[in-house]
Amino acid sequence: MTDPVVSPAAAPIRPKPQVITPDRSPAGVARQFEGVFAGQITKIMMETVEQGDEFSGGHGEEMFRGILAEQIGNQIAQGKGLGIASAVEAQIIRLQGGQNAGAADGK
């Protein structure tokens, strides 16, 4: 008799890795660009703020400040944004010959 703990049927199930596909439609790319742009602006603004001695500074903050600025930029773009995504989207469509790549997938 086989032991159910070590039988081949009891082999662990490995989940398939989830692949996140980026939104390649002109609107999605424009929104991503706006997020990167807003993140860069946020990073520059954060560099101009004086840091106090008690609750800021240190190596850890230096490491994660750029990541924080990037995430703030992404959140800005996911909300109302800065208003540049529509202009970037129009330029992308114009450069593609006036065809919206997202229209083929129903986006």
PDB file of N, CA and C in Angstrom:
ATOM      1  N   MET A   1       0.848  -1.173   0.000  1.00  0.00           N
ATOM      2  CA  MET A   1       0.000   0.000   0.000  1.00  0.00           C
ATOM      3  C   MET A   1       0.894   1.236   0.000  1.00  0.00           C
ATOM      4  N   THR A   2       0.500   2.240  -0.739  1.00  0.00           N
ATOM      5  CA  THR A   2       1.315   3.451  -0.810  1.00  0.00           C
ATOM      6  C   THR A   2       0.889   4.438   0.259  1.00  0.00           C
ATOM      7  N   ASP A   3       1.847   5.172   0.711  1.00  0.00           N
ATOM      8  CA  ASP A   3       1.599   6.191   1.727  1.00  0.00           C
ATOM      9  C   ASP A   3       1.021   7.430   1.035  1.00  0.00           C
ATOM     10  N   PRO A   4      -0.169   7.912   1.433  1.00  0.00           N
ATOM     11  CA  PRO A   4      -0.780   9.059   0.745  1.00  0.00           C
ATOM     12  C   PRO A   4       0.025  10.352   0.875  1.00  0.00           C
ATOM     13  N   VAL A   5       0.899  10.430   1.863  1.00  0.00           N
ATOM     14  CA  VAL A   5       1.679  11.652   2.048  1.00  0.00           C
ATOM     15  C   VAL A   5       2.756  11.780   0.979  1.00  0.00           C
ATOM     16  N   VAL A   6       3.315  10.657   0.539  1.00  0.00           N
ATOM     17  CA  VAL A   6       4.400  10.700  -0.437  1.00  0.00           C
ATOM     18  C   VAL A   6       3.986  10.189  -1.809  1.00  0.00           C
ATOM     19  N   SER A   7       2.714   9.934  -2.029  1.00  0.00           N
ATOM     20  CA  SER A   7       2.288   9.427  -3.329  1.00  0.00           C
ATOM     21  C   SER A   7       2.379  10.538  -4.378  1.00  0.00           C
ATOM     22  N   PRO A   8       2.571  10.159  -5.630  1.00  0.00           N
ATOM     23  CA  PRO A   8       2.673  11.172  -6.688  1.00  0.00           C
ATOM     24  C   PRO A   8       1.413  12.021  -6.819  1.00  0.00           C
ATOM     25  N   ALA A   9       0.280  11.462  -6.451  1.00  0.00           N
ATOM     26  CA  ALA A   9      -0.961  12.226  -6.552  1.00  0.00           C
ATOM     27  C   ALA A   9      -0.989  13.384  -5.566  1.00  0.00           C
ATOM     28  N   ALA A  10      -0.195  13.274  -4.509  1.00  0.00           N
ATOM     29  CA  ALA A  10      -0.177  14.328  -3.500  1.00  0.00           C
ATOM     30  C   ALA A  10       0.904  15.374  -3.780  1.00  0.00           C
ATOM     31  N   ALA A  11       1.441  15.381  -4.995  1.00  0.00           N
ATOM     32  CA  ALA A  11       2.476  16.360  -5.347  1.00  0.00           C
ATOM     33  C   ALA A  11       1.891  17.769  -5.254  1.00  0.00           C
ATOM     34  N   PRO A  12       2.696  18.724  -4.845  1.00  0.00           N
ATOM     35  CA  PRO A  12       2.176  20.088  -4.705  1.00  0.00           C
ATOM     36  C   PRO A  12       1.754  20.673  -6.053  1.00  0.00           C
ATOM     37  N   ILE A  13       0.695  21.409  -6.004  1.00  0.00           N
ATOM     38  CA  ILE A  13       0.202  22.082  -7.205  1.00  0.00           C
ATOM     39  C   ILE A  13       0.896  23.430  -7.292  1.00  0.00           C
ATOM     40  N   ARG A  14       1.555  23.653  -8.381  1.00  0.00           N
ATOM     41  CA  ARG A  14       2.266  24.917  -8.567  1.00  0.00           C
ATOM     42  C   ARG A  14       1.403  25.840  -9.410  1.00  0.00           C
ATOM     43  N   PRO A  15       1.049  26.976  -8.865  1.00  0.00           N
ATOM     44  CA  PRO A  15       0.220  27.899  -9.647  1.00  0.00           C
ATOM     45  C   PRO A  15       1.020  28.478 -10.810  1.00  0.00           C
ATOM     46  N   LYS A  16       0.313  28.748 -11.886  1.00  0.00           N
ATOM     47  CA  LYS A  16       0.961  29.370 -13.037  1.00  0.00           C
ATOM     48  C   LYS A  16       1.290  30.819 -12.683  1.00  0.00           C
ATOM     49  N   PRO A  17       2.469  31.269 -13.067  1.00  0.00           N
ATOM     50  CA  PRO A  17       2.801  32.667 -12.767  1.00  0.00           C
ATOM     51  C   PRO A  17       1.891  33.603 -13.549  1.00  0.00           C
ATOM     52  N   GLN A  18       1.456  34.642 -12.882  1.00  0.00           N
ATOM     53  CA  GLN A  18       0.600  35.619 -13.538  1.00  0.00           C
ATOM     54  C   GLN A  18       1.474  36.634 -14.251  1.00  0.00           C
ATOM     55  N   VAL A  19       1.219  36.798 -15.519  1.00  0.00           N
ATOM     56  CA  VAL A  19       1.969  37.754 -16.315  1.00  0.00           C
ATOM     57  C   VAL A  19       1.119  39.005 -16.454  1.00  0.00           C
ATOM     58  N   ILE A  20       1.663  40.103 -16.004  1.00  0.00           N
ATOM     59  CA  ILE A  20       0.947  41.370 -16.114  1.00  0.00           C
ATOM     60  C   ILE A  20       1.326  41.998 -17.444  1.00  0.00           C
ATOM     61  N   THR A  21       0.343  42.114 -18.309  1.00  0.00           N
ATOM     62  CA  THR A  21       0.611  42.719 -19.611  1.00  0.00           C
ATOM     63  C   THR A  21       0.295  44.205 -19.538  1.00  0.00           C
ATOM     64  N   PRO A  22       1.221  45.026 -19.949  1.00  0.00           N
ATOM     65  CA  PRO A  22       0.970  46.465 -19.893  1.00  0.00           C
ATOM     66  C   PRO A  22      -0.076  46.880 -20.921  1.00  0.00           C
ATOM     67  N   ASP A  23      -0.778  47.929 -20.604  1.00  0.00           N
ATOM     68  CA  ASP A  23      -1.775  48.483 -21.512  1.00  0.00           C
ATOM     69  C   ASP A  23      -1.032  49.207 -22.628  1.00  0.00           C
ATOM     70  N   ARG A  24      -1.105  48.670 -23.839  1.00  0.00           N
ATOM     71  CA  ARG A  24      -0.372  49.248 -24.958  1.00  0.00           C
ATOM     72  C   ARG A  24      -1.248  50.129 -25.842  1.00  0.00           C
ATOM     73  N   SER A  25      -2.453  50.403 -25.413  1.00  0.00           N
ATOM     74  CA  SER A  25      -3.290  51.323 -26.174  1.00  0.00           C
ATOM     75  C   SER A  25      -2.725  52.731 -26.022  1.00  0.00           C
ATOM     76  N   PRO A  26      -2.996  53.612 -26.978  1.00  0.00           N
ATOM     77  CA  PRO A  26      -2.489  54.986 -26.848  1.00  0.00           C
ATOM     78  C   PRO A  26      -2.908  55.650 -25.538  1.00  0.00           C
ATOM     79  N   ALA A  27      -4.131  55.397 -25.088  1.00  0.00           N
ATOM     80  CA  ALA A  27      -4.589  55.991 -23.830  1.00  0.00           C
ATOM     81  C   ALA A  27      -3.806  55.426 -22.647  1.00  0.00           C
ATOM     82  N   GLY A  28      -3.541  54.120 -22.657  1.00  0.00           N
ATOM     83  CA  GLY A  28      -2.791  53.501 -21.569  1.00  0.00           C
ATOM     84  C   GLY A  28      -1.345  53.962 -21.517  1.00  0.00           C
ATOM     85  N   VAL A  29      -0.723  54.052 -22.686  1.00  0.00           N
ATOM     86  CA  VAL A  29       0.668  54.511 -22.746  1.00  0.00           C
ATOM     87  C   VAL A  29       0.760  55.972 -22.320  1.00  0.00           C
ATOM     88  N   ALA A  30      -0.205  56.779 -22.745  1.00  0.00           N
ATOM     89  CA  ALA A  30      -0.214  58.198 -22.357  1.00  0.00           C
ATOM     90  C   ALA A  30      -0.383  58.338 -20.851  1.00  0.00           C
ATOM     91  N   ARG A  31      -1.228  57.512 -20.251  1.00  0.00           N
ATOM     92  CA  ARG A  31      -1.439  57.547 -18.800  1.00  0.00           C
ATOM     93  C   ARG A  31      -0.162  57.112 -18.071  1.00  0.00           C
ATOM     94  N   GLN A  32       0.530  56.097 -18.604  1.00  0.00           N
ATOM     95  CA  GLN A  32       1.794  55.660 -18.000  1.00  0.00           C
ATOM     96  C   GLN A  32       2.845  56.759 -18.088  1.00  0.00           C
ATOM     97  N   PHE A  33       2.898  57.433 -19.235  1.00  0.00           N
ATOM     98  CA  PHE A  33       3.848  58.539 -19.392  1.00  0.00           C
ATOM     99  C   PHE A  33       3.556  59.641 -18.383  1.00  0.00           C
ATOM    100  N   GLU A  34       2.274  59.956 -18.217  1.00  0.00           N
ATOM    101  CA  GLU A  34       1.896  60.983 -17.255  1.00  0.00           C
ATOM    102  C   GLU A  34       2.298  60.574 -15.838  1.00  0.00           C
ATOM    103  N   GLY A  35       2.182  59.284 -15.516  1.00  0.00           N
ATOM    104  CA  GLY A  35       2.597  58.799 -14.203  1.00  0.00           C
ATOM    105  C   GLY A  35       4.091  58.953 -13.974  1.00  0.00           C
ATOM    106  N   VAL A  36       4.895  58.635 -14.993  1.00  0.00           N
ATOM    107  CA  VAL A  36       6.348  58.791 -14.878  1.00  0.00           C
ATOM    108  C   VAL A  36       6.704  60.266 -14.739  1.00  0.00           C
ATOM    109  N   PHE A  37       6.061  61.100 -15.540  1.00  0.00           N
ATOM    110  CA  PHE A  37       6.318  62.540 -15.490  1.00  0.00           C
ATOM    111  C   PHE A  37       5.952  63.109 -14.117  1.00  0.00           C
ATOM    112  N   ALA A  38       4.782  62.728 -13.609  1.00  0.00           N
ATOM    113  CA  ALA A  38       4.356  63.208 -12.289  1.00  0.00           C
ATOM    114  C   ALA A  38       5.292  62.694 -11.198  1.00  0.00           C
ATOM    115  N   GLY A  39       5.800  61.475 -11.352  1.00  0.00           N
ATOM    116  CA  GLY A  39       6.750  60.932 -10.386  1.00  0.00           C
ATOM    117  C   GLY A  39       8.056  61.708 -10.369  1.00  0.00           C
ATOM    118  N   GLN A  40       8.531  62.114 -11.543  1.00  0.00           N
ATOM    119  CA  GLN A  40       9.766  62.895 -11.613  1.00  0.00           C
ATOM    120  C   GLN A  40       9.580  64.274 -10.979  1.00  0.00           C
ATOM    121  N   ILE A  41       8.438  64.888 -11.241  1.00  0.00           N
ATOM    122  CA  ILE A  41       8.148  66.192 -10.629  1.00  0.00           C
ATOM    123  C   ILE A  41       8.073  66.048  -9.110  1.00  0.00           C
ATOM    124  N   THR A  42       7.403  64.999  -8.652  1.00  0.00           N
ATOM    125  CA  THR A  42       7.275  64.759  -7.214  1.00  0.00           C
ATOM    126  C   THR A  42       8.638  64.543  -6.571  1.00  0.00           C
ATOM    127  N   LYS A  43       9.510  63.792  -7.241  1.00  0.00           N
ATOM    128  CA  LYS A  43      10.851  63.543  -6.709  1.00  0.00           C
ATOM    129  C   LYS A  43      11.624  64.851  -6.554  1.00  0.00           C
ATOM    130  N   ILE A  44      11.537  65.722  -7.549  1.00  0.00           N
ATOM    131  CA  ILE A  44      12.227  67.016  -7.477  1.00  0.00           C
ATOM    132  C   ILE A  44      11.662  67.855  -6.336  1.00  0.00           C
ATOM    133  N   MET A  45      10.341  67.854  -6.184  1.00  0.00           N
ATOM    134  CA  MET A  45       9.734  68.619  -5.089  1.00  0.00           C
ATOM    135  C   MET A  45      10.162  68.070  -3.731  1.00  0.00           C
ATOM    136  N   MET A  46      10.244  66.751  -3.610  1.00  0.00           N
ATOM    137  CA  MET A  46      10.637  66.151  -2.334  1.00  0.00           C
ATOM    138  C   MET A  46      12.084  66.484  -1.979  1.00  0.00           C
ATOM    139  N   GLU A  47      12.928  66.663  -2.983  1.00  0.00           N
ATOM    140  CA  GLU A  47      14.330  67.001  -2.728  1.00  0.00           C
ATOM    141  C   GLU A  47      14.497  68.419  -2.189  1.00  0.00           C
ATOM    142  N   THR A  48      13.517  69.293  -2.435  1.00  0.00           N
ATOM    143  CA  THR A  48      13.632  70.680  -1.982  1.00  0.00           C
ATOM    144  C   THR A  48      13.135  70.887  -0.560  1.00  0.00           C
ATOM    145  N   VAL A  49      12.482  69.881   0.018  1.00  0.00           N
ATOM    146  CA  VAL A  49      11.933  70.007   1.368  1.00  0.00           C
ATOM    147  C   VAL A  49      13.032  69.737   2.386  1.00  0.00           C
ATOM    148  N   GLU A  50      13.136  70.625   3.366  1.00  0.00           N
ATOM    149  CA  GLU A  50      14.123  70.418   4.425  1.00  0.00           C
ATOM    150  C   GLU A  50      13.684  69.263   5.310  1.00  0.00           C
ATOM    151  N   GLN A  51      14.643  68.455   5.732  1.00  0.00           N
ATOM    152  CA  GLN A  51      14.352  67.313   6.583  1.00  0.00           C
ATOM    153  C   GLN A  51      14.665  67.658   8.025  1.00  0.00           C
ATOM    154  N   GLY A  52      13.759  67.282   8.917  1.00  0.00           N
ATOM    155  CA  GLY A  52      13.996  67.482  10.339  1.00  0.00           C
ATOM    156  C   GLY A  52      14.939  66.416  10.870  1.00  0.00           C
ATOM    157  N   ASP A  53      15.463  66.639  12.039  1.00  0.00           N
ATOM    158  CA  ASP A  53      16.405  65.689  12.626  1.00  0.00           C
ATOM    159  C   ASP A  53      15.711  64.507  13.300  1.00  0.00           C
ATOM    160  N   GLU A  54      14.506  64.714  13.809  1.00  0.00           N
ATOM    161  CA  GLU A  54      13.880  63.690  14.634  1.00  0.00           C
ATOM    162  C   GLU A  54      13.205  62.579  13.845  1.00  0.00           C
ATOM    163  N   PHE A  55      12.469  62.918  12.799  1.00  0.00           N
ATOM    164  CA  PHE A  55      11.643  61.912  12.141  1.00  0.00           C
ATOM    165  C   PHE A  55      11.999  61.666  10.683  1.00  0.00           C
ATOM    166  N   SER A  56      13.085  62.168  10.206  1.00  0.00           N
ATOM    167  CA  SER A  56      13.436  61.933   8.812  1.00  0.00           C
ATOM    168  C   SER A  56      14.939  61.809   8.665  1.00  0.00           C
ATOM    169  N   GLY A  57      15.326  61.438   7.466  1.00  0.00           N
ATOM    170  CA  GLY A  57      16.739  61.267   7.179  1.00  0.00           C
ATOM    171  C   GLY A  57      17.151  59.818   7.310  1.00  0.00           C
ATOM    172  N   GLY A  58      18.383  59.573   7.071  1.00  0.00           N
ATOM    173  CA  GLY A  58      18.914  58.227   7.198  1.00  0.00           C
ATOM    174  C   GLY A  58      18.985  57.510   5.868  1.00  0.00           C
ATOM    175  N   HIS A  59      19.676  56.397   5.894  1.00  0.00           N
ATOM    176  CA  HIS A  59      19.911  55.621   4.680  1.00  0.00           C
ATOM    177  C   HIS A  59      18.619  55.005   4.144  1.00  0.00           C
ATOM    178  N   GLY A  60      17.760  54.528   5.026  1.00  0.00           N
ATOM    179  CA  GLY A  60      16.504  53.912   4.602  1.00  0.00           C
ATOM    180  C   GLY A  60      15.614  54.869   3.845  1.00  0.00           C
ATOM    181  N   GLU A  61      15.525  56.083   4.338  1.00  0.00           N
ATOM    182  CA  GLU A  61      14.695  57.069   3.653  1.00  0.00           C
ATOM    183  C   GLU A  61      15.267  57.405   2.283  1.00  0.00           C
ATOM    184  N   GLU A  62      16.577  57.518   2.201  1.00  0.00           N
ATOM    185  CA  GLU A  62      17.213  57.801   0.913  1.00  0.00           C
ATOM    186  C   GLU A  62      16.900  56.709  -0.101  1.00  0.00           C
ATOM    187  N   MET A  63      16.894  55.462   0.359  1.00  0.00           N
ATOM    188  CA  MET A  63      16.642  54.338  -0.541  1.00  0.00           C
ATOM    189  C   MET A  63      15.217  54.350  -1.083  1.00  0.00           C
ATOM    190  N   PHE A  64      14.255  54.659  -0.235  1.00  0.00           N
ATOM    191  CA  PHE A  64      12.862  54.518  -0.623  1.00  0.00           C
ATOM    192  C   PHE A  64      12.197  55.812  -1.068  1.00  0.00           C
ATOM    193  N   ARG A  65      12.879  56.910  -1.003  1.00  0.00           N
ATOM    194  CA  ARG A  65      12.291  58.185  -1.407  1.00  0.00           C
ATOM    195  C   ARG A  65      11.932  58.175  -2.892  1.00  0.00           C
ATOM    196  N   GLY A  66      12.792  57.622  -3.730  1.00  0.00           N
ATOM    197  CA  GLY A  66      12.509  57.540  -5.165  1.00  0.00           C
ATOM    198  C   GLY A  66      11.312  56.656  -5.463  1.00  0.00           C
ATOM    199  N   ILE A  67      11.201  55.542  -4.739  1.00  0.00           N
ATOM    200  CA  ILE A  67      10.062  54.641  -4.921  1.00  0.00           C
ATOM    201  C   ILE A  67       8.774  55.330  -4.496  1.00  0.00           C
ATOM    202  N   LEU A  68       8.828  56.072  -3.401  1.00  0.00           N
ATOM    203  CA  LEU A  68       7.656  56.808  -2.935  1.00  0.00           C
ATOM    204  C   LEU A  68       7.224  57.832  -3.976  1.00  0.00           C
ATOM    205  N   ALA A  69       8.176  58.570  -4.533  1.00  0.00           N
ATOM    206  CA  ALA A  69       7.851  59.575  -5.549  1.00  0.00           C
ATOM    207  C   ALA A  69       7.230  58.914  -6.779  1.00  0.00           C
ATOM    208  N   GLU A  70       7.751  57.762  -7.174  1.00  0.00           N
ATOM    209  CA  GLU A  70       7.211  57.034  -8.326  1.00  0.00           C
ATOM    210  C   GLU A  70       5.767  56.610  -8.077  1.00  0.00           C
ATOM    211  N   GLN A  71       5.496  56.083  -6.890  1.00  0.00           N
ATOM    212  CA  GLN A  71       4.146  55.637  -6.564  1.00  0.00           C
ATOM    213  C   GLN A  71       3.169  56.808  -6.450  1.00  0.00           C
ATOM    214  N   ILE A  72       3.627  57.912  -5.905  1.00  0.00           N
ATOM    215  CA  ILE A  72       2.776  59.107  -5.850  1.00  0.00           C
ATOM    216  C   ILE A  72       2.439  59.552  -7.268  1.00  0.00           C
ATOM    217  N   GLY A  73       3.431  59.536  -8.165  1.00  0.00           N
ATOM    218  CA  GLY A  73       3.195  59.895  -9.565  1.00  0.00           C
ATOM    219  C   GLY A  73       2.182  58.979 -10.227  1.00  0.00           C
ATOM    220  N   ASN A  74       2.271  57.678  -9.968  1.00  0.00           N
ATOM    221  CA  ASN A  74       1.309  56.735 -10.534  1.00  0.00           C
ATOM    222  C   ASN A  74      -0.098  56.997 -10.016  1.00  0.00           C
ATOM    223  N   GLN A  75      -0.219  57.318  -8.727  1.00  0.00           N
ATOM    224  CA  GLN A  75      -1.536  57.609  -8.166  1.00  0.00           C
ATOM    225  C   GLN A  75      -2.118  58.897  -8.744  1.00  0.00           C
ATOM    226  N   ILE A  76      -1.264  59.878  -8.973  1.00  0.00           N
ATOM    227  CA  ILE A  76      -1.728  61.119  -9.605  1.00  0.00           C
ATOM    228  C   ILE A  76      -2.284  60.808 -10.985  1.00  0.00           C
ATOM    229  N   ALA A  77      -1.557  59.991 -11.760  1.00  0.00           N
ATOM    230  CA  ALA A  77      -1.986  59.652 -13.115  1.00  0.00           C
ATOM    231  C   ALA A  77      -3.260  58.813 -13.117  1.00  0.00           C
ATOM    232  N   GLN A  78      -3.445  57.952 -12.123  1.00  0.00           N
ATOM    233  CA  GLN A  78      -4.651  57.135 -12.057  1.00  0.00           C
ATOM    234  C   GLN A  78      -5.874  57.952 -11.654  1.00  0.00           C
ATOM    235  N   GLY A  79      -5.647  59.061 -10.985  1.00  0.00           N
ATOM    236  CA  GLY A  79      -6.749  59.946 -10.614  1.00  0.00           C
ATOM    237  C   GLY A  79      -7.055  60.894 -11.763  1.00  0.00           C
ATOM    238  N   LYS A  80      -7.179  62.149 -11.454  1.00  0.00           N
ATOM    239  CA  LYS A  80      -7.468  63.146 -12.486  1.00  0.00           C
ATOM    240  C   LYS A  80      -6.237  63.477 -13.318  1.00  0.00           C
ATOM    241  N   GLY A  81      -5.057  63.195 -12.800  1.00  0.00           N
ATOM    242  CA  GLY A  81      -3.832  63.441 -13.553  1.00  0.00           C
ATOM    243  C   GLY A  81      -3.474  64.909 -13.608  1.00  0.00           C
ATOM    244  N   LEU A  82      -2.489  65.195 -14.434  1.00  0.00           N
ATOM    245  CA  LEU A  82      -2.023  66.567 -14.614  1.00  0.00           C
ATOM    246  C   LEU A  82      -2.639  67.217 -15.848  1.00  0.00           C
ATOM    247  N   GLY A  83      -3.304  66.427 -16.666  1.00  0.00           N
ATOM    248  CA  GLY A  83      -3.932  66.961 -17.869  1.00  0.00           C
ATOM    249  C   GLY A  83      -3.088  66.826 -19.123  1.00  0.00           C
ATOM    250  N   ILE A  84      -1.976  66.114 -19.049  1.00  0.00           N
ATOM    251  CA  ILE A  84      -1.145  65.978 -20.243  1.00  0.00           C
ATOM    252  C   ILE A  84      -1.390  64.659 -20.978  1.00  0.00           C
ATOM    253  N   ALA A  85      -2.093  63.723 -20.371  1.00  0.00           N
ATOM    254  CA  ALA A  85      -2.304  62.412 -20.997  1.00  0.00           C
ATOM    255  C   ALA A  85      -3.085  62.530 -22.298  1.00  0.00           C
ATOM    256  N   SER A  86      -4.077  63.396 -22.359  1.00  0.00           N
ATOM    257  CA  SER A  86      -4.873  63.525 -23.586  1.00  0.00           C
ATOM    258  C   SER A  86      -4.036  64.076 -24.736  1.00  0.00           C
ATOM    259  N   ALA A  87      -3.153  65.029 -24.442  1.00  0.00           N
ATOM    260  CA  ALA A  87      -2.283  65.578 -25.489  1.00  0.00           C
ATOM    261  C   ALA A  87      -1.274  64.532 -25.957  1.00  0.00           C
ATOM    262  N   VAL A  88      -0.731  63.755 -25.026  1.00  0.00           N
ATOM    263  CA  VAL A  88       0.221  62.701 -25.386  1.00  0.00           C
ATOM    264  C   VAL A  88      -0.486  61.621 -26.200  1.00  0.00           C
ATOM    265  N   GLU A  89      -1.703  61.270 -25.804  1.00  0.00           N
ATOM    266  CA  GLU A  89      -2.470  60.266 -26.544  1.00  0.00           C
ATOM    267  C   GLU A  89      -2.732  60.722 -27.974  1.00  0.00           C
ATOM    268  N   ALA A  90      -3.122  61.977 -28.149  1.00  0.00           N
ATOM    269  CA  ALA A  90      -3.372  62.508 -29.493  1.00  0.00           C
ATOM    270  C   ALA A  90      -2.105  62.463 -30.342  1.00  0.00           C
ATOM    271  N   GLN A  91      -0.973  62.769 -29.745  1.00  0.00           N
ATOM    272  CA  GLN A  91       0.299  62.737 -30.472  1.00  0.00           C
ATOM    273  C   GLN A  91       0.669  61.301 -30.854  1.00  0.00           C
ATOM    274  N   ILE A  92       0.437  60.349 -29.960  1.00  0.00           N
ATOM    275  CA  ILE A  92       0.722  58.940 -30.265  1.00  0.00           C
ATOM    276  C   ILE A  92      -0.131  58.480 -31.436  1.00  0.00           C
ATOM    277  N   ILE A  93      -1.413  58.809 -31.403  1.00  0.00           N
ATOM    278  CA  ILE A  93      -2.319  58.420 -32.487  1.00  0.00           C
ATOM    279  C   ILE A  93      -1.874  59.052 -33.800  1.00  0.00           C
ATOM    280  N   ARG A  94      -1.471  60.319 -33.755  1.00  0.00           N
ATOM    281  CA  ARG A  94      -1.010  61.000 -34.970  1.00  0.00           C
ATOM    282  C   ARG A  94       0.236  60.316 -35.523  1.00  0.00           C
ATOM    283  N   LEU A  95       1.173  59.938 -34.639  1.00  0.00           N
ATOM    284  CA  LEU A  95       2.400  59.282 -35.079  1.00  0.00           C
ATOM    285  C   LEU A  95       2.151  57.875 -35.618  1.00  0.00           C
ATOM    286  N   GLN A  96       1.061  57.252 -35.199  1.00  0.00           N
ATOM    287  CA  GLN A  96       0.712  55.921 -35.700  1.00  0.00           C
ATOM    288  C   GLN A  96      -0.074  55.999 -37.000  1.00  0.00           C
ATOM    289  N   GLY A  97      -0.193  57.159 -37.542  1.00  0.00           N
ATOM    290  CA  GLY A  97      -0.919  57.313 -38.796  1.00  0.00           C
ATOM    291  C   GLY A  97      -2.406  57.506 -38.605  1.00  0.00           C
ATOM    292  N   GLY A  98      -2.789  57.958 -37.429  1.00  0.00           N
ATOM    293  CA  GLY A  98      -4.199  58.238 -37.171  1.00  0.00           C
ATOM    294  C   GLY A  98      -5.009  57.034 -36.774  1.00  0.00           C
ATOM    295  N   GLN A  99      -4.367  55.888 -36.579  1.00  0.00           N
ATOM    296  CA  GLN A  99      -5.097  54.683 -36.204  1.00  0.00           C
ATOM    297  C   GLN A  99      -4.907  54.407 -34.731  1.00  0.00           C
ATOM    298  N   ASN A 100      -5.993  54.178 -34.035  1.00  0.00           N
ATOM    299  CA  ASN A 100      -5.952  53.875 -32.610  1.00  0.00           C
ATOM    300  C   ASN A 100      -5.706  52.389 -32.443  1.00  0.00           C
ATOM    301  N   ALA A 101      -4.537  52.022 -31.896  1.00  0.00           N
ATOM    302  CA  ALA A 101      -4.180  50.611 -31.715  1.00  0.00           C
ATOM    303  C   ALA A 101      -5.129  49.909 -30.756  1.00  0.00           C
ATOM    304  N   GLY A 102      -5.699  50.610 -29.801  1.00  0.00           N
ATOM    305  CA  GLY A 102      -6.602  50.002 -28.832  1.00  0.00           C
ATOM    306  C   GLY A 102      -7.969  49.695 -29.408  1.00  0.00           C
ATOM    307  N   ALA A 103      -8.323  50.288 -30.559  1.00  0.00           N
ATOM    308  CA  ALA A 103      -9.631  50.057 -31.156  1.00  0.00           C
ATOM    309  C   ALA A 103      -9.767  48.619 -31.641  1.00  0.00           C
ATOM    310  N   ALA A 104      -8.672  47.986 -32.017  1.00  0.00           N
ATOM    311  CA  ALA A 104      -8.724  46.608 -32.487  1.00  0.00           C
ATOM    312  C   ALA A 104      -9.077  45.646 -31.363  1.00  0.00           C
ATOM    313  N   ASP A 105      -8.673  45.929 -30.133  1.00  0.00           N
ATOM    314  CA  ASP A 105      -8.998  45.041 -29.021  1.00  0.00           C
ATOM    315  C   ASP A 105     -10.287  45.454 -28.321  1.00  0.00           C
ATOM    316  N   GLY A 106     -10.951  46.463 -28.802  1.00  0.00           N
ATOM    317  CA  GLY A 106     -12.185  46.897 -28.182  1.00  0.00           C
ATOM    318  C   GLY A 106     -11.998  47.826 -27.022  1.00  0.00           C
ATOM    319  N   LYS A 107     -10.843  48.435 -26.888  1.00  0.00           N
ATOM    320  CA  LYS A 107     -10.585  49.357 -25.777  1.00  0.00           C
ATOM    321  C   LYS A 107     -10.894  50.763 -26.194  1.00  0.00           C
TER     322      LYS A 107
END
